[in-house]
Protein backbone atom coordinates (compact mmCIF):
# COMPACT_ATOMS: atom_id res chain seq x y z
CA MET A 1 -11.72 2.05 18.56
CA SER A 2 -14.07 4.80 19.73
CA VAL A 3 -17.00 2.78 18.45
CA GLY A 4 -15.87 -0.13 20.64
CA VAL A 5 -15.67 2.14 23.68
CA VAL A 6 -19.19 3.46 23.05
CA ILE A 7 -20.61 -0.03 22.52
CA SER A 8 -18.96 -1.51 25.61
CA SER A 9 -19.93 1.45 27.80
CA GLY A 10 -23.53 1.14 26.58
CA VAL A 11 -23.60 -2.56 27.40
CA ILE A 12 -22.11 -1.95 30.86
CA TYR A 13 -24.57 0.91 31.45
CA PHE A 14 -27.68 -1.04 30.42
CA PHE A 15 -26.50 -4.30 31.99
CA PRO A 16 -24.84 -3.33 35.30
CA VAL A 17 -22.10 -5.61 36.58
CA LYS A 18 -23.92 -6.29 39.88
CA GLN A 19 -26.92 -7.86 38.13
CA ASN A 20 -25.04 -9.20 35.09
CA PRO A 21 -21.49 -10.28 35.96
CA TRP A 22 -20.79 -11.18 32.30
CA SER A 23 -20.92 -7.50 31.30
CA LYS A 24 -17.52 -6.78 32.90
CA TYR A 25 -15.93 -8.96 30.22
CA PHE A 26 -17.50 -7.03 27.37
CA ASP A 27 -14.99 -4.16 27.43
CA PRO A 28 -11.89 -6.40 27.19
CA ALA A 29 -13.64 -8.47 24.51
CA CYS A 30 -14.37 -5.31 22.46
CA THR A 31 -10.76 -4.19 22.88
CA LEU A 32 -9.51 -7.57 21.68
CA VAL A 33 -11.82 -7.59 18.64
CA PHE A 34 -10.89 -4.05 17.60
CA SER A 35 -7.18 -4.78 18.17
CA VAL A 36 -7.40 -7.73 15.78
CA ILE A 37 -9.20 -5.54 13.22
CA ILE A 38 -6.52 -2.84 13.52
CA CYS A 39 -3.70 -5.40 13.18
CA TYR A 40 -5.36 -6.86 10.09
CA THR A 41 -5.82 -3.48 8.40
CA CYS A 42 -2.23 -2.43 9.22
CA LYS A 43 -0.71 -5.74 8.08
CA ALA A 44 0.80 -4.36 4.87
CA THR A 45 2.42 -1.43 6.68
CA LEU A 46 3.71 -3.71 9.42
CA PHE A 47 5.23 -6.19 6.95
CA ASN A 48 6.78 -3.39 4.89
CA SER A 49 8.31 -1.86 8.04
CA ILE A 50 9.73 -5.21 9.17
CA PHE A 51 11.11 -5.84 5.67
CA ILE A 52 12.90 -2.48 5.68
CA LEU A 53 14.15 -2.86 9.28
CA MET A 54 15.54 -6.30 8.43
CA GLU A 55 17.11 -4.78 5.28
CA GLY A 56 15.54 -7.33 2.95
CA ALA A 57 16.51 -7.69 -0.69
CA PRO A 58 14.14 -5.72 -2.93
CA ALA A 59 11.89 -7.85 -5.12
CA ALA A 60 12.18 -5.42 -8.05
CA ILE A 61 15.89 -6.15 -8.52
CA ASP A 62 17.02 -9.48 -9.98
CA VAL A 63 20.24 -9.97 -8.03
CA GLU A 64 21.24 -13.15 -9.88
CA ALA A 65 21.00 -11.41 -13.25
CA LEU A 66 22.94 -8.43 -11.89
CA GLU A 67 25.66 -10.74 -10.58
CA ARG A 68 25.82 -12.60 -13.89
CA ASP A 69 26.10 -9.33 -15.85
CA LEU A 70 28.86 -8.03 -13.58
CA LYS A 71 30.87 -11.26 -13.91
CA ASN A 72 30.55 -11.12 -17.72
CA MET A 73 31.93 -7.58 -17.97
CA ASP A 74 35.33 -7.08 -19.58
CA GLY A 75 38.12 -6.65 -17.06
CA VAL A 76 36.32 -8.39 -14.17
CA LYS A 77 38.42 -11.22 -12.78
CA GLU A 78 36.35 -12.08 -9.74
CA LEU A 79 33.24 -10.91 -7.93
CA LYS A 80 33.82 -11.53 -4.23
CA GLU A 81 30.82 -10.02 -2.49
CA LEU A 82 27.51 -8.75 -3.72
CA HIS A 83 24.86 -7.29 -1.43
CA CYS A 84 21.59 -5.56 -2.25
CA TRP A 85 19.06 -4.34 0.32
CA SER A 86 16.32 -1.77 0.97
CA LEU A 87 17.01 1.28 3.09
CA SER A 88 13.51 2.68 2.69
CA ARG A 89 10.68 2.51 0.20
CA GLY A 90 12.20 3.09 -3.23
CA LYS A 91 15.77 3.51 -1.94
CA ASN A 92 17.92 0.45 -2.53
CA VAL A 93 21.60 -0.04 -1.81
CA PHE A 94 24.00 -2.15 -3.83
CA VAL A 95 27.55 -3.04 -2.75
CA ALA A 96 30.01 -5.30 -4.59
CA LYS A 97 33.71 -6.13 -4.30
CA ILE A 98 35.08 -6.60 -7.78
CA VAL A 99 38.62 -7.80 -8.52
CA ALA A 100 39.89 -6.45 -11.80
CA SER A 101 41.94 -8.63 -14.17
CA ASP A 102 44.20 -5.71 -15.10
CA ASP A 103 45.07 -2.30 -13.69
CA PRO A 104 41.80 -0.37 -13.35
């Protein structure tokens, strides 16, 4: 971003706005270009943050296989709810309501 400030100030200095009215648009144009570059380079962090804030299901855990294994366990009558989400990077939460077929 500092490079953009130096470039735009140099253009405005060498091409004054009174003689060159187009030079007043150079600073906002530089800001826009560098903002797009910053957004592109931070895309992975932004998507990861949104995924965690939205409490998305982690890709590393196969929830269908986990549900199938829980239903096939001895003593499990019914699996009512099953939720798996990410709290932060590497910290996943799993919650399930399991109805037992006999006294647990």
